[in-house]
N, C-alpha and C. Protein backbone atom coordinates (compact mmCIF):
# COMPACT_ATOMS: atom_id res chain seq x y z
N UNK A 1 -48.58 21.48 15.58
CA UNK A 1 -47.30 21.51 14.83
C UNK A 1 -46.30 20.38 15.29
N UNK A 2 -45.82 19.77 14.28
CA UNK A 2 -44.67 18.75 14.64
C UNK A 2 -43.41 19.26 14.23
N UNK A 3 -42.31 19.04 15.02
CA UNK A 3 -41.15 19.48 14.67
C UNK A 3 -40.15 18.24 14.51
N UNK A 4 -39.52 18.12 13.46
CA UNK A 4 -38.45 17.13 13.30
C UNK A 4 -37.11 17.68 12.96
N UNK A 5 -36.02 16.95 13.42
CA UNK A 5 -34.77 17.33 13.08
C UNK A 5 -34.17 16.34 11.98
N UNK A 6 -33.64 16.90 10.95
CA UNK A 6 -32.97 16.06 9.96
C UNK A 6 -31.44 16.23 10.06
N UNK A 7 -30.87 15.01 10.04
CA UNK A 7 -29.34 15.04 10.07
C UNK A 7 -28.80 13.75 9.52
N UNK A 8 -27.49 13.65 9.52
CA UNK A 8 -26.98 12.46 9.00
C UNK A 8 -25.52 12.23 9.56
N UNK A 9 -25.07 10.96 9.46
CA UNK A 9 -23.72 10.64 9.98
C UNK A 9 -22.68 11.03 8.88
N UNK A 10 -21.63 11.74 9.26
CA UNK A 10 -20.55 12.05 8.42
C UNK A 10 -19.37 11.34 8.88
N UNK A 11 -18.54 10.58 8.36
CA UNK A 11 -17.36 9.96 8.82
C UNK A 11 -16.20 10.84 8.23
N UNK A 12 -15.24 11.26 9.06
CA UNK A 12 -14.16 11.98 8.65
C UNK A 12 -12.74 11.29 8.87
N UNK A 13 -12.08 11.10 7.84
CA UNK A 13 -10.78 10.36 7.93
C UNK A 13 -9.66 11.31 7.60
N UNK A 14 -8.62 11.17 8.40
CA UNK A 14 -7.44 12.13 8.28
C UNK A 14 -6.75 11.91 6.90
N UNK A 15 -6.63 10.64 6.43
CA UNK A 15 -6.02 10.45 5.17
C UNK A 15 -6.51 9.10 4.58
N UNK A 16 -6.13 8.81 3.39
CA UNK A 16 -6.72 7.60 2.62
C UNK A 16 -6.27 6.33 3.20
N UNK A 17 -5.25 6.33 3.99
CA UNK A 17 -4.81 5.10 4.65
C UNK A 17 -5.87 4.48 5.49
N UNK A 18 -6.70 5.25 6.06
CA UNK A 18 -7.70 4.77 6.90
C UNK A 18 -8.94 4.09 6.20
N UNK A 19 -8.93 4.17 4.89
CA UNK A 19 -9.90 3.68 4.05
C UNK A 19 -9.66 2.28 3.59
N UNK A 20 -10.61 1.54 3.16
CA UNK A 20 -10.34 0.12 2.61
C UNK A 20 -9.63 0.34 1.25
N UNK A 21 -8.94 -0.78 0.87
CA UNK A 21 -8.13 -0.73 -0.41
C UNK A 21 -8.93 -0.33 -1.64
N UNK A 22 -10.23 -0.89 -1.64
CA UNK A 22 -11.06 -0.45 -2.81
C UNK A 22 -11.50 0.99 -2.76
N UNK A 23 -11.71 1.55 -1.57
CA UNK A 23 -12.00 2.93 -1.50
C UNK A 23 -10.81 3.84 -1.90
N UNK A 24 -9.54 3.36 -1.42
CA UNK A 24 -8.40 4.16 -1.76
C UNK A 24 -8.23 4.11 -3.22
N UNK A 25 -8.36 3.08 -4.02
CA UNK A 25 -8.32 2.84 -5.37
C UNK A 25 -9.29 3.81 -6.09
N UNK A 26 -10.58 3.81 -5.56
CA UNK A 26 -11.52 4.67 -6.19
C UNK A 26 -11.29 6.12 -5.99
N UNK A 27 -10.68 6.60 -4.86
CA UNK A 27 -10.30 7.91 -4.71
C UNK A 27 -9.20 8.27 -5.73
N UNK A 28 -8.22 7.34 -5.95
CA UNK A 28 -7.19 7.61 -6.72
C UNK A 28 -7.60 7.75 -8.17
N UNK A 29 -8.53 6.98 -8.50
CA UNK A 29 -9.21 7.14 -9.95
C UNK A 29 -9.79 8.56 -10.08
N UNK A 30 -10.60 8.94 -9.01
CA UNK A 30 -11.22 10.23 -9.05
C UNK A 30 -10.08 11.39 -9.13
N UNK A 31 -9.11 11.16 -8.40
CA UNK A 31 -7.92 12.11 -8.34
C UNK A 31 -7.35 12.23 -9.83
N UNK A 32 -7.10 11.15 -10.53
CA UNK A 32 -6.60 10.94 -11.79
C UNK A 32 -7.54 11.67 -12.96
N UNK A 33 -8.79 11.36 -12.66
CA UNK A 33 -9.81 12.05 -13.59
C UNK A 33 -9.83 13.55 -13.47
N UNK A 34 -9.51 13.95 -12.20
CA UNK A 34 -9.56 15.39 -12.00
C UNK A 34 -8.52 16.13 -12.85
N UNK A 35 -7.42 15.47 -13.19
CA UNK A 35 -6.36 15.98 -14.03
C UNK A 35 -6.77 16.19 -15.44
N UNK A 36 -7.96 15.57 -15.95
CA UNK A 36 -8.50 15.72 -17.22
C UNK A 36 -9.56 16.75 -17.25
N UNK A 37 -9.82 17.37 -16.14
CA UNK A 37 -10.85 18.43 -16.10
C UNK A 37 -10.57 19.59 -16.99
N UNK A 38 -11.61 20.09 -17.73
CA UNK A 38 -11.47 21.30 -18.50
C UNK A 38 -12.15 22.37 -17.73
N UNK A 39 -11.36 23.24 -17.07
CA UNK A 39 -11.88 24.21 -16.13
C UNK A 39 -11.14 25.55 -16.34
N UNK A 40 -10.98 26.09 -17.61
CA UNK A 40 -10.24 27.27 -17.76
C UNK A 40 -10.77 28.54 -17.20
N UNK A 41 -12.11 28.45 -16.84
CA UNK A 41 -12.78 29.70 -16.27
C UNK A 41 -12.81 29.78 -14.73
N UNK A 42 -13.26 28.67 -14.18
CA UNK A 42 -13.30 28.63 -12.72
C UNK A 42 -12.04 28.27 -11.99
N UNK A 43 -11.12 27.56 -12.71
CA UNK A 43 -10.00 26.89 -12.16
C UNK A 43 -10.23 25.89 -11.01
N UNK A 44 -11.50 25.43 -11.01
CA UNK A 44 -11.94 24.49 -10.04
C UNK A 44 -12.11 23.21 -10.67
N UNK A 45 -11.22 22.26 -10.44
CA UNK A 45 -11.01 21.00 -11.11
C UNK A 45 -11.71 19.95 -10.28
N UNK A 46 -12.54 19.08 -10.87
CA UNK A 46 -13.20 17.95 -10.13
C UNK A 46 -13.04 16.77 -11.00
N UNK A 47 -12.81 15.68 -10.27
CA UNK A 47 -12.87 14.41 -10.84
C UNK A 47 -13.75 13.42 -10.07
N UNK A 48 -14.40 12.55 -10.76
CA UNK A 48 -15.34 11.65 -10.04
C UNK A 48 -15.06 10.17 -10.56
N UNK A 49 -15.26 9.30 -9.76
CA UNK A 49 -15.11 7.84 -10.10
C UNK A 49 -16.33 7.02 -9.50
N UNK A 50 -17.07 6.42 -10.31
CA UNK A 50 -18.26 5.57 -9.85
C UNK A 50 -17.86 4.22 -9.89
N UNK A 51 -18.16 3.49 -8.74
CA UNK A 51 -17.91 2.09 -8.72
C UNK A 51 -19.35 1.40 -8.74
N UNK A 52 -19.31 0.54 -9.83
CA UNK A 52 -20.55 -0.14 -10.01
C UNK A 52 -20.50 -1.56 -9.31
N UNK A 53 -21.80 -2.03 -9.23
CA UNK A 53 -21.94 -3.42 -8.50
C UNK A 53 -21.19 -4.56 -9.19
N UNK A 54 -20.95 -4.37 -10.48
CA UNK A 54 -20.22 -5.41 -11.30
C UNK A 54 -18.73 -5.23 -11.25
N UNK A 55 -18.28 -4.24 -10.40
CA UNK A 55 -16.75 -4.02 -10.20
C UNK A 55 -16.21 -2.94 -11.27
N UNK A 56 -16.90 -2.62 -12.20
CA UNK A 56 -16.45 -1.57 -13.16
C UNK A 56 -16.28 -0.08 -12.48
N UNK A 57 -15.43 0.62 -12.85
CA UNK A 57 -15.26 1.93 -12.48
C UNK A 57 -15.33 2.94 -13.69
N UNK A 58 -16.23 3.88 -13.64
CA UNK A 58 -16.43 4.82 -14.55
C UNK A 58 -16.06 6.16 -14.12
N UNK A 59 -15.19 6.94 -14.90
CA UNK A 59 -14.75 8.20 -14.33
C UNK A 59 -15.33 9.32 -15.21
N UNK A 60 -15.24 10.54 -14.54
CA UNK A 60 -15.70 11.68 -15.25
C UNK A 60 -14.96 12.93 -14.69
N UNK A 61 -14.81 13.99 -15.46
CA UNK A 61 -14.31 15.23 -14.90
C UNK A 61 -15.17 16.39 -15.34
N UNK A 62 -15.06 17.51 -14.70
CA UNK A 62 -15.97 18.59 -15.02
C UNK A 62 -15.49 19.10 -16.37
N UNK A 63 -16.43 19.64 -17.18
CA UNK A 63 -16.17 20.20 -18.50
C UNK A 63 -16.89 21.52 -18.62
N UNK A 64 -16.08 22.61 -18.38
CA UNK A 64 -16.76 23.92 -18.49
C UNK A 64 -16.94 24.43 -19.97
N UNK A 65 -17.68 25.42 -20.10
CA UNK A 65 -17.87 26.13 -21.38
C UNK A 65 -17.97 27.65 -21.05
N UNK A 66 -17.62 28.45 -22.08
CA UNK A 66 -17.64 29.89 -21.95
C UNK A 66 -19.08 30.41 -21.53
N UNK A 67 -20.05 29.48 -22.11
CA UNK A 67 -21.35 29.79 -21.77
C UNK A 67 -21.71 28.82 -20.59
N UNK A 68 -21.38 29.29 -19.31
CA UNK A 68 -21.40 28.54 -18.16
C UNK A 68 -22.33 27.50 -18.12
N UNK A 69 -23.78 27.73 -18.27
CA UNK A 69 -24.78 26.68 -18.15
C UNK A 69 -24.57 25.45 -19.13
N UNK A 70 -23.66 25.56 -20.15
CA UNK A 70 -23.51 24.48 -21.13
C UNK A 70 -22.48 23.48 -20.64
N UNK A 71 -21.76 23.81 -19.48
CA UNK A 71 -20.77 22.86 -18.90
C UNK A 71 -21.50 21.70 -18.12
N UNK A 72 -20.58 20.70 -17.71
CA UNK A 72 -21.23 19.61 -16.91
C UNK A 72 -20.21 19.22 -15.88
N UNK A 73 -20.78 18.99 -14.66
CA UNK A 73 -19.97 18.59 -13.67
C UNK A 73 -19.46 17.16 -13.60
N UNK A 74 -18.37 16.79 -12.97
CA UNK A 74 -17.73 15.59 -13.00
C UNK A 74 -18.62 14.41 -12.62
N UNK A 75 -19.41 14.65 -11.49
CA UNK A 75 -20.29 13.63 -11.01
C UNK A 75 -21.27 13.24 -12.05
N UNK A 76 -22.00 14.19 -12.76
CA UNK A 76 -22.95 13.76 -13.87
C UNK A 76 -22.30 13.29 -15.00
N UNK A 77 -21.19 13.75 -15.45
CA UNK A 77 -20.38 12.98 -16.52
C UNK A 77 -20.27 11.58 -16.18
N UNK A 78 -19.82 11.30 -15.00
CA UNK A 78 -19.50 9.91 -14.65
C UNK A 78 -20.80 9.12 -14.41
N UNK A 79 -21.74 9.54 -13.76
CA UNK A 79 -22.85 8.71 -13.50
C UNK A 79 -23.75 8.60 -14.69
N UNK A 80 -23.83 9.52 -15.47
CA UNK A 80 -24.58 9.40 -16.83
C UNK A 80 -23.85 8.41 -17.76
N UNK A 81 -22.55 8.46 -17.86
CA UNK A 81 -21.81 7.52 -18.56
C UNK A 81 -22.01 6.15 -17.97
N UNK A 82 -22.11 5.93 -16.77
CA UNK A 82 -22.24 4.60 -16.16
C UNK A 82 -23.60 4.18 -16.52
N UNK A 83 -24.69 4.92 -16.45
CA UNK A 83 -26.00 4.56 -16.78
C UNK A 83 -26.23 4.27 -18.23
N UNK A 84 -25.40 4.86 -19.14
CA UNK A 84 -25.49 4.70 -20.51
C UNK A 84 -24.75 3.32 -20.90
N UNK A 85 -23.62 3.11 -20.26
CA UNK A 85 -22.83 2.01 -20.63
C UNK A 85 -23.35 0.66 -19.98
N UNK A 86 -23.67 0.86 -18.67
CA UNK A 86 -24.11 -0.27 -17.79
C UNK A 86 -25.58 -0.07 -17.33
N UNK A 87 -26.54 -0.03 -18.16
CA UNK A 87 -27.92 0.06 -17.70
C UNK A 87 -28.35 -1.06 -16.90
N UNK A 88 -29.05 -0.72 -15.62
CA UNK A 88 -29.42 -1.70 -14.78
C UNK A 88 -28.32 -2.17 -13.70
N UNK A 89 -27.18 -1.79 -13.95
CA UNK A 89 -26.25 -2.12 -12.96
C UNK A 89 -26.16 -1.11 -11.81
N UNK A 90 -26.24 -1.56 -10.57
CA UNK A 90 -26.36 -0.61 -9.44
C UNK A 90 -25.05 0.13 -9.30
N UNK A 91 -25.24 1.41 -8.83
CA UNK A 91 -23.99 2.19 -8.46
C UNK A 91 -23.77 1.99 -6.89
N UNK A 92 -22.59 1.68 -6.50
CA UNK A 92 -22.18 1.40 -5.08
C UNK A 92 -21.70 2.65 -4.41
N UNK A 93 -20.77 3.26 -5.09
CA UNK A 93 -20.03 4.38 -4.53
C UNK A 93 -19.59 5.34 -5.43
N UNK A 94 -19.58 6.62 -5.13
CA UNK A 94 -18.92 7.69 -6.01
C UNK A 94 -17.85 8.31 -5.11
N UNK A 95 -16.76 8.48 -5.70
CA UNK A 95 -15.57 9.18 -5.20
C UNK A 95 -15.52 10.55 -5.94
N UNK A 96 -15.29 11.60 -5.21
CA UNK A 96 -15.19 12.85 -5.82
C UNK A 96 -13.89 13.57 -5.24
N UNK A 97 -13.07 14.14 -6.13
CA UNK A 97 -11.92 14.79 -5.67
C UNK A 97 -11.87 16.14 -6.36
N UNK A 98 -11.75 17.19 -5.63
CA UNK A 98 -11.74 18.61 -6.15
C UNK A 98 -10.60 19.34 -5.80
N UNK A 99 -10.09 20.32 -6.52
CA UNK A 99 -9.11 21.25 -6.15
C UNK A 99 -9.26 22.50 -6.93
N UNK A 100 -8.68 23.50 -6.41
CA UNK A 100 -8.76 24.80 -7.17
C UNK A 100 -7.36 25.39 -7.23
N UNK A 101 -6.98 25.94 -8.35
CA UNK A 101 -5.66 26.50 -8.48
C UNK A 101 -5.67 27.94 -8.04
N UNK A 102 -6.74 28.45 -7.78
CA UNK A 102 -6.97 29.67 -7.25
C UNK A 102 -6.59 29.84 -5.69
N UNK A 103 -6.91 28.85 -5.07
CA UNK A 103 -6.65 28.93 -3.55
C UNK A 103 -6.43 27.68 -2.92
N UNK A 104 -5.74 26.66 -3.37
CA UNK A 104 -5.49 25.41 -2.63
C UNK A 104 -6.65 24.85 -1.83
N UNK A 105 -7.64 24.23 -2.42
CA UNK A 105 -8.71 23.59 -1.71
C UNK A 105 -8.24 22.64 -0.72
N UNK A 106 -8.82 22.94 0.53
CA UNK A 106 -8.36 22.02 1.58
C UNK A 106 -9.54 21.11 2.03
N UNK A 107 -10.79 21.70 2.05
CA UNK A 107 -11.92 21.00 2.44
C UNK A 107 -12.52 20.25 1.35
N UNK A 108 -12.93 19.08 1.50
CA UNK A 108 -13.71 18.35 0.47
C UNK A 108 -14.83 19.01 -0.07
N UNK A 109 -15.17 18.97 -1.29
CA UNK A 109 -16.30 19.69 -1.89
C UNK A 109 -17.49 18.62 -2.17
N UNK A 110 -18.57 18.96 -1.80
CA UNK A 110 -19.75 18.13 -1.92
C UNK A 110 -20.43 18.39 -3.24
N UNK A 111 -21.09 17.42 -3.84
CA UNK A 111 -21.77 17.67 -5.04
C UNK A 111 -22.69 18.86 -5.05
N UNK A 112 -22.80 19.52 -6.17
CA UNK A 112 -23.69 20.67 -6.29
C UNK A 112 -25.19 20.25 -6.33
N UNK A 113 -26.18 20.99 -6.29
CA UNK A 113 -27.50 20.71 -6.18
C UNK A 113 -27.95 19.89 -7.36
N UNK A 114 -27.47 20.29 -8.52
CA UNK A 114 -27.83 19.43 -9.79
C UNK A 114 -27.44 18.02 -9.66
N UNK A 115 -26.12 17.92 -9.26
CA UNK A 115 -25.59 16.63 -9.15
C UNK A 115 -26.20 15.85 -8.09
N UNK A 116 -26.51 16.42 -7.00
CA UNK A 116 -27.23 15.64 -5.98
C UNK A 116 -28.59 15.18 -6.40
N UNK A 117 -29.30 15.89 -7.17
CA UNK A 117 -30.60 15.48 -7.77
C UNK A 117 -30.41 14.33 -8.73
N UNK A 118 -29.30 14.48 -9.61
CA UNK A 118 -29.10 13.38 -10.58
C UNK A 118 -28.79 12.05 -9.79
N UNK A 119 -27.83 12.16 -8.80
CA UNK A 119 -27.44 11.00 -8.09
C UNK A 119 -28.56 10.34 -7.26
N UNK A 120 -29.41 11.18 -6.69
CA UNK A 120 -30.52 10.60 -5.96
C UNK A 120 -31.50 9.85 -6.84
N UNK A 121 -31.53 10.35 -7.97
CA UNK A 121 -32.52 9.55 -8.99
C UNK A 121 -32.09 8.13 -9.16
N UNK A 122 -30.65 7.97 -9.30
CA UNK A 122 -30.21 6.65 -9.53
C UNK A 122 -30.31 5.83 -8.17
N UNK A 123 -30.18 6.52 -7.07
CA UNK A 123 -30.23 5.81 -5.82
C UNK A 123 -31.76 5.34 -5.63
N UNK A 124 -32.72 6.15 -5.98
CA UNK A 124 -34.08 5.88 -5.80
C UNK A 124 -34.49 4.71 -6.74
N UNK A 125 -33.94 4.87 -8.00
CA UNK A 125 -34.24 3.88 -9.15
C UNK A 125 -33.74 2.45 -8.68
N UNK A 126 -32.65 2.44 -8.14
CA UNK A 126 -31.94 1.05 -7.72
C UNK A 126 -32.37 0.50 -6.39
N UNK A 127 -32.96 1.49 -5.60
CA UNK A 127 -33.32 1.10 -4.22
C UNK A 127 -32.24 0.61 -3.36
N UNK A 128 -31.12 1.30 -3.63
CA UNK A 128 -29.88 0.91 -2.89
C UNK A 128 -29.14 2.13 -2.57
N UNK A 129 -28.55 2.31 -1.38
CA UNK A 129 -27.84 3.66 -1.25
C UNK A 129 -26.51 3.70 -2.09
N UNK A 130 -26.22 4.92 -2.34
CA UNK A 130 -25.09 5.16 -2.97
C UNK A 130 -24.13 5.99 -1.97
N UNK A 131 -22.96 5.37 -1.63
CA UNK A 131 -22.05 6.04 -0.66
C UNK A 131 -21.25 7.01 -1.48
N UNK A 132 -20.73 8.08 -0.62
CA UNK A 132 -19.99 9.17 -1.26
C UNK A 132 -18.72 9.26 -0.47
N UNK A 133 -17.63 9.41 -1.20
CA UNK A 133 -16.26 9.68 -0.68
C UNK A 133 -15.92 11.02 -1.33
N UNK A 134 -15.61 12.05 -0.45
CA UNK A 134 -15.27 13.42 -0.92
C UNK A 134 -13.88 13.74 -0.36
N UNK A 135 -13.09 14.25 -1.28
CA UNK A 135 -11.73 14.64 -0.95
C UNK A 135 -11.26 15.82 -1.74
N UNK A 136 -10.05 16.31 -1.28
CA UNK A 136 -9.46 17.43 -1.94
C UNK A 136 -7.98 16.89 -2.14
N UNK A 137 -7.17 17.87 -2.54
CA UNK A 137 -5.69 17.50 -2.80
C UNK A 137 -5.06 17.12 -1.45
N UNK A 138 -5.39 17.94 -0.50
CA UNK A 138 -4.91 17.80 0.99
C UNK A 138 -6.15 17.86 1.93
N UNK A 139 -5.91 17.49 3.11
CA UNK A 139 -7.03 17.64 4.11
C UNK A 139 -7.73 16.37 4.28
N UNK A 140 -8.68 16.38 5.07
CA UNK A 140 -9.55 15.10 5.37
C UNK A 140 -10.29 14.52 4.30
N UNK A 141 -10.73 13.35 4.39
CA UNK A 141 -11.75 12.70 3.51
C UNK A 141 -12.86 12.48 4.27
N UNK A 142 -14.09 12.88 3.57
CA UNK A 142 -15.45 12.70 4.15
C UNK A 142 -16.12 11.43 3.45
N UNK A 143 -16.94 10.73 4.19
CA UNK A 143 -17.70 9.64 3.78
C UNK A 143 -19.06 9.72 4.29
N UNK A 144 -20.02 9.65 3.38
CA UNK A 144 -21.46 9.41 4.03
C UNK A 144 -22.03 8.32 3.22
N UNK A 145 -22.92 7.62 3.88
CA UNK A 145 -23.47 6.34 3.50
C UNK A 145 -24.50 6.38 2.28
N UNK A 146 -25.12 7.59 2.12
CA UNK A 146 -26.20 7.61 1.11
C UNK A 146 -26.31 9.00 0.58
N UNK A 147 -26.60 9.16 -0.69
CA UNK A 147 -26.90 10.50 -1.21
C UNK A 147 -28.17 11.10 -0.57
N UNK A 148 -29.07 10.30 -0.18
CA UNK A 148 -30.25 10.77 0.68
C UNK A 148 -29.84 11.41 1.93
N UNK A 149 -28.82 11.12 2.56
CA UNK A 149 -28.36 11.65 3.76
C UNK A 149 -28.04 13.26 3.52
N UNK A 150 -27.43 13.59 2.38
CA UNK A 150 -27.14 15.00 2.06
C UNK A 150 -28.12 15.62 1.35
N UNK A 151 -29.24 15.00 0.85
CA UNK A 151 -30.34 15.55 0.13
C UNK A 151 -31.60 15.15 0.67
N UNK A 152 -31.91 15.53 2.01
CA UNK A 152 -33.13 15.12 2.61
C UNK A 152 -34.32 15.73 1.92
N UNK A 153 -35.48 15.17 1.96
CA UNK A 153 -36.64 15.63 1.37
C UNK A 153 -36.56 15.89 -0.20
N UNK A 154 -35.76 14.89 -0.83
CA UNK A 154 -35.41 14.94 -2.24
C UNK A 154 -36.76 14.91 -3.10
N UNK A 155 -36.69 15.71 -4.21
CA UNK A 155 -37.70 15.66 -5.25
C UNK A 155 -37.62 14.31 -5.95
N UNK A 156 -38.76 13.67 -6.17
CA UNK A 156 -38.70 12.26 -6.85
C UNK A 156 -40.02 12.15 -7.72
N UNK A 157 -40.00 11.03 -8.39
CA UNK A 157 -41.07 10.79 -9.31
C UNK A 157 -42.45 10.82 -8.74
N UNK A 158 -42.59 10.68 -7.34
CA UNK A 158 -43.95 10.66 -6.70
C UNK A 158 -44.59 12.04 -6.92
N UNK A 159 -43.82 13.08 -6.87
CA UNK A 159 -44.40 14.43 -7.19
C UNK A 159 -44.93 14.61 -8.63
N UNK A 160 -44.57 13.76 -9.51
CA UNK A 160 -45.12 13.81 -10.88
C UNK A 160 -46.29 12.83 -11.10
N UNK A 161 -46.77 12.28 -9.98
CA UNK A 161 -47.90 11.33 -10.13
C UNK A 161 -47.40 9.94 -10.29
N UNK A 162 -46.25 9.66 -10.32
CA UNK A 162 -45.72 8.17 -10.49
C UNK A 162 -45.42 7.67 -9.03
N UNK A 163 -45.42 6.33 -8.91
CA UNK A 163 -45.19 5.87 -7.68
C UNK A 163 -43.72 5.38 -7.44
């Protein structure tokens, strides 16, 4: 038997002033996108901003539906839009800002499993890491260098017989 430990580095910032100007702008875009979330059921509003290699920023917000599975998360709205509008342009960073009107979210929320899988597909396709900035209305900001960090042992096309 072989035993391995899987882990990653998470940077924690007290506030946005510790980030680069570009990262601050991207978080601001995610925060603004959050305001456009349609979340009448969960009251959990999420905004995402995707920074592309060409400098374009694509935003998304979560869009709920009374039939819960029919909704879509902010991260997938943004990354799918980026992939449709700018095919072949690499994604550099995704900023995610979440809040809940039910209980004042203080800790940053990480992408759900479906979003992680969708984002890792882009990371694998472009063969470049996608960094994540995670924030809430108040509290710290988390940064990790790659989606692969928070989704180790990710499912990929090699399981389907592709290389």
